[in-house]
C-alpha atoms as a PDB file:
ATOM      1  CA  UNK A   1       0.000   0.000   0.000  1.00  0.00           C
ATOM      2  CA  UNK A   2       1.502   3.391  -0.964  1.00  0.00           C
ATOM      3  CA  UNK A   3       2.313   5.942   1.720  1.00  0.00           C
ATOM      4  CA  UNK A   4      -0.369   8.681   1.387  1.00  0.00           C
ATOM      5  CA  UNK A   5       2.228  11.342   2.288  1.00  0.00           C
ATOM      6  CA  UNK A   6       4.220  10.352  -0.820  1.00  0.00           C
ATOM      7  CA  UNK A   7       1.289  10.851  -3.177  1.00  0.00           C
ATOM      8  CA  UNK A   8       0.250   8.842  -6.195  1.00  0.00           C
ATOM      9  CA  UNK A   9       2.280   7.608  -9.166  1.00  0.00           C
ATOM     10  CA  UNK A  10       0.318   9.743 -11.657  1.00  0.00           C
ATOM     11  CA  UNK A  11      -0.669  13.415 -11.474  1.00  0.00           C
ATOM     12  CA  UNK A  12      -3.995  14.040  -9.753  1.00  0.00           C
ATOM     13  CA  UNK A  13      -4.702  17.410 -11.402  1.00  0.00           C
ATOM     14  CA  UNK A  14      -3.452  19.850 -14.008  1.00  0.00           C
ATOM     15  CA  UNK A  15      -0.948  22.482 -12.927  1.00  0.00           C
ATOM     16  CA  UNK A  16      -1.887  24.988 -15.637  1.00  0.00           C
ATOM     17  CA  UNK A  17       0.689  27.688 -16.337  1.00  0.00           C
ATOM     18  CA  UNK A  18       3.690  27.600 -14.011  1.00  0.00           C
ATOM     19  CA  UNK A  19       5.013  30.742 -12.328  1.00  0.00           C
ATOM     20  CA  UNK A  20       7.717  31.262  -9.719  1.00  0.00           C
ATOM     21  CA  UNK A  21       8.655  34.312  -7.710  1.00  0.00           C
ATOM     22  CA  UNK A  22      12.262  35.536  -7.860  1.00  0.00           C
ATOM     23  CA  UNK A  23      12.758  34.574  -4.207  1.00  0.00           C
ATOM     24  CA  UNK A  24      11.651  30.985  -4.825  1.00  0.00           C
ATOM     25  CA  UNK A  25      13.929  30.668  -7.836  1.00  0.00           C
ATOM     26  CA  UNK A  26      16.848  32.120  -5.886  1.00  0.00           C
ATOM     27  CA  UNK A  27      16.327  29.641  -3.027  1.00  0.00           C
ATOM     28  CA  UNK A  28      16.127  26.680  -5.409  1.00  0.00           C
ATOM     29  CA  UNK A  29      19.240  27.839  -7.247  1.00  0.00           C
ATOM     30  CA  UNK A  30      21.164  28.369  -4.018  1.00  0.00           C
ATOM     31  CA  UNK A  31      20.496  24.750  -3.024  1.00  0.00           C
ATOM     32  CA  UNK A  32      20.880  23.348  -6.556  1.00  0.00           C
ATOM     33  CA  UNK A  33      17.330  22.056  -6.666  1.00  0.00           C
ATOM     34  CA  UNK A  34      14.768  22.306  -9.446  1.00  0.00           C
ATOM     35  CA  UNK A  35      11.169  23.422  -9.464  1.00  0.00           C
ATOM     36  CA  UNK A  36      10.313  20.315 -11.491  1.00  0.00           C
ATOM     37  CA  UNK A  37      10.814  18.023  -8.497  1.00  0.00           C
ATOM     38  CA  UNK A  38       8.518  20.085  -6.270  1.00  0.00           C
ATOM     39  CA  UNK A  39       5.895  20.441  -8.999  1.00  0.00           C
ATOM     40  CA  UNK A  40       5.865  16.675  -9.575  1.00  0.00           C
ATOM     41  CA  UNK A  41       5.411  16.000  -5.857  1.00  0.00           C
ATOM     42  CA  UNK A  42       2.603  18.574  -5.679  1.00  0.00           C
ATOM     43  CA  UNK A  43       0.750  17.178  -8.704  1.00  0.00           C
ATOM     44  CA  UNK A  44       0.981  13.623  -7.311  1.00  0.00           C
ATOM     45  CA  UNK A  45      -0.568  14.625  -3.972  1.00  0.00           C
ATOM     46  CA  UNK A  46       2.596  14.693  -1.855  1.00  0.00           C
ATOM     47  CA  UNK A  47       1.756  17.883   0.026  1.00  0.00           C
ATOM     48  CA  UNK A  48       5.077  18.054   1.877  1.00  0.00           C
ATOM     49  CA  UNK A  49       5.168  19.748   5.281  1.00  0.00           C
ATOM     50  CA  UNK A  50       1.505  20.724   5.606  1.00  0.00           C
ATOM     51  CA  UNK A  51      -0.267  19.639   8.821  1.00  0.00           C
ATOM     52  CA  UNK A  52      -2.888  16.856   8.783  1.00  0.00           C
ATOM     53  CA  UNK A  53      -5.834  19.265   8.549  1.00  0.00           C
ATOM     54  CA  UNK A  54      -4.307  20.826   5.415  1.00  0.00           C
ATOM     55  CA  UNK A  55      -3.655  17.374   3.956  1.00  0.00           C
ATOM     56  CA  UNK A  56      -7.379  16.665   4.335  1.00  0.00           C
ATOM     57  CA  UNK A  57      -8.264  20.061   2.822  1.00  0.00           C
ATOM     58  CA  UNK A  58      -5.949  19.435  -0.146  1.00  0.00           C
ATOM     59  CA  UNK A  59      -7.387  15.972  -0.710  1.00  0.00           C
ATOM     60  CA  UNK A  60     -10.874  17.481  -0.750  1.00  0.00           C
ATOM     61  CA  UNK A  61      -9.677  20.316  -3.014  1.00  0.00           C
ATOM     62  CA  UNK A  62      -8.492  17.772  -5.586  1.00  0.00           C
ATOM     63  CA  UNK A  63     -11.953  16.182  -5.600  1.00  0.00           C
ATOM     64  CA  UNK A  64     -14.012  19.368  -5.439  1.00  0.00           C
ATOM     65  CA  UNK A  65     -11.915  21.889  -7.382  1.00  0.00           C
ATOM     66  CA  UNK A  66     -10.556  24.200  -4.672  1.00  0.00           C
ATOM     67  CA  UNK A  67      -7.130  25.793  -4.264  1.00  0.00           C
ATOM     68  CA  UNK A  68      -4.288  23.408  -3.348  1.00  0.00           C
ATOM     69  CA  UNK A  69      -1.260  24.374  -1.235  1.00  0.00           C
ATOM     70  CA  UNK A  70       1.887  22.323  -0.629  1.00  0.00           C
ATOM     71  CA  UNK A  71       4.917  23.250   1.458  1.00  0.00           C
ATOM     72  CA  UNK A  72       8.406  21.826   0.885  1.00  0.00           C
ATOM     73  CA  UNK A  73      11.684  22.150   2.760  1.00  0.00           C
ATOM     74  CA  UNK A  74      14.525  23.254   0.508  1.00  0.00           C
ATOM     75  CA  UNK A  75      18.150  22.805   1.465  1.00  0.00           C
ATOM     76  CA  UNK A  76      19.274  22.783   5.059  1.00  0.00           C
ATOM     77  CA  UNK A  77      17.778  24.363   8.124  1.00  0.00           C
ATOM     78  CA  UNK A  78      18.310  28.011   8.971  1.00  0.00           C
ATOM     79  CA  UNK A  79      20.258  29.279  11.953  1.00  0.00           C
ATOM     80  CA  UNK A  80      16.918  29.324  13.815  1.00  0.00           C
ATOM     81  CA  UNK A  81      16.670  25.553  13.275  1.00  0.00           C
ATOM     82  CA  UNK A  82      13.775  25.740  10.821  1.00  0.00           C
ATOM     83  CA  UNK A  83      13.915  24.597   7.195  1.00  0.00           C
ATOM     84  CA  UNK A  84      13.727  27.099   4.380  1.00  0.00           C
ATOM     85  CA  UNK A  85      10.390  26.507   2.698  1.00  0.00           C
ATOM     86  CA  UNK A  86       8.794  26.972  -0.703  1.00  0.00           C
ATOM     87  CA  UNK A  87       5.047  26.922  -1.115  1.00  0.00           C
ATOM     88  CA  UNK A  88       3.425  25.571  -4.274  1.00  0.00           C
ATOM     89  CA  UNK A  89      -0.116  26.824  -4.863  1.00  0.00           C
ATOM     90  CA  UNK A  90      -2.475  25.669  -7.611  1.00  0.00           C
ATOM     91  CA  UNK A  91      -5.499  27.872  -8.142  1.00  0.00           C
ATOM     92  CA  UNK A  92      -8.992  26.413  -7.893  1.00  0.00           C
ATOM     93  CA  UNK A  93      -9.584  26.576 -11.650  1.00  0.00           C
ATOM     94  CA  UNK A  94      -6.232  24.786 -12.264  1.00  0.00           C
ATOM     95  CA  UNK A  95      -5.110  27.565 -14.622  1.00  0.00           C
ATOM     96  CA  UNK A  96      -2.010  28.616 -12.632  1.00  0.00           C
ATOM     97  CA  UNK A  97       0.467  27.045 -10.224  1.00  0.00           C
ATOM     98  CA  UNK A  98       2.908  29.317  -8.418  1.00  0.00           C
ATOM     99  CA  UNK A  99       6.080  28.566  -6.479  1.00  0.00           C
ATOM    100  CA  UNK A 100       6.765  31.212  -3.828  1.00  0.00           C
ATOM    101  CA  UNK A 101       8.282  31.853  -0.448  1.00  0.00           C
ATOM    102  CA  UNK A 102       5.732  32.055   2.385  1.00  0.00           C
ATOM    103  CA  UNK A 103       6.735  35.661   3.090  1.00  0.00           C
ATOM    104  CA  UNK A 104       5.726  36.569  -0.498  1.00  0.00           C
ATOM    105  CA  UNK A 105       2.130  35.399   0.052  1.00  0.00           C
END
């Protein structure tokens, strides 16, 4: 049985047009990671660091057509001991998916 936190093998929804804020791109570049990996996880239902109530909301959003938000640690932890995070948000109409830093929201 697959781990629900790892998502499905196939995409669950369309990402639409992909956008990324400069801060998100800079963070990915700094840690030599790609947006493609995070987008694939997001589309497969691996919501990353979101709490259980947001996992349930995302699962419902896939079924009912609401906005979907994932949160992924990128690189190492900060000096405060917290990971640097990128959010991936797909709009309810599935026309746009954006990668951004939480502070840019």
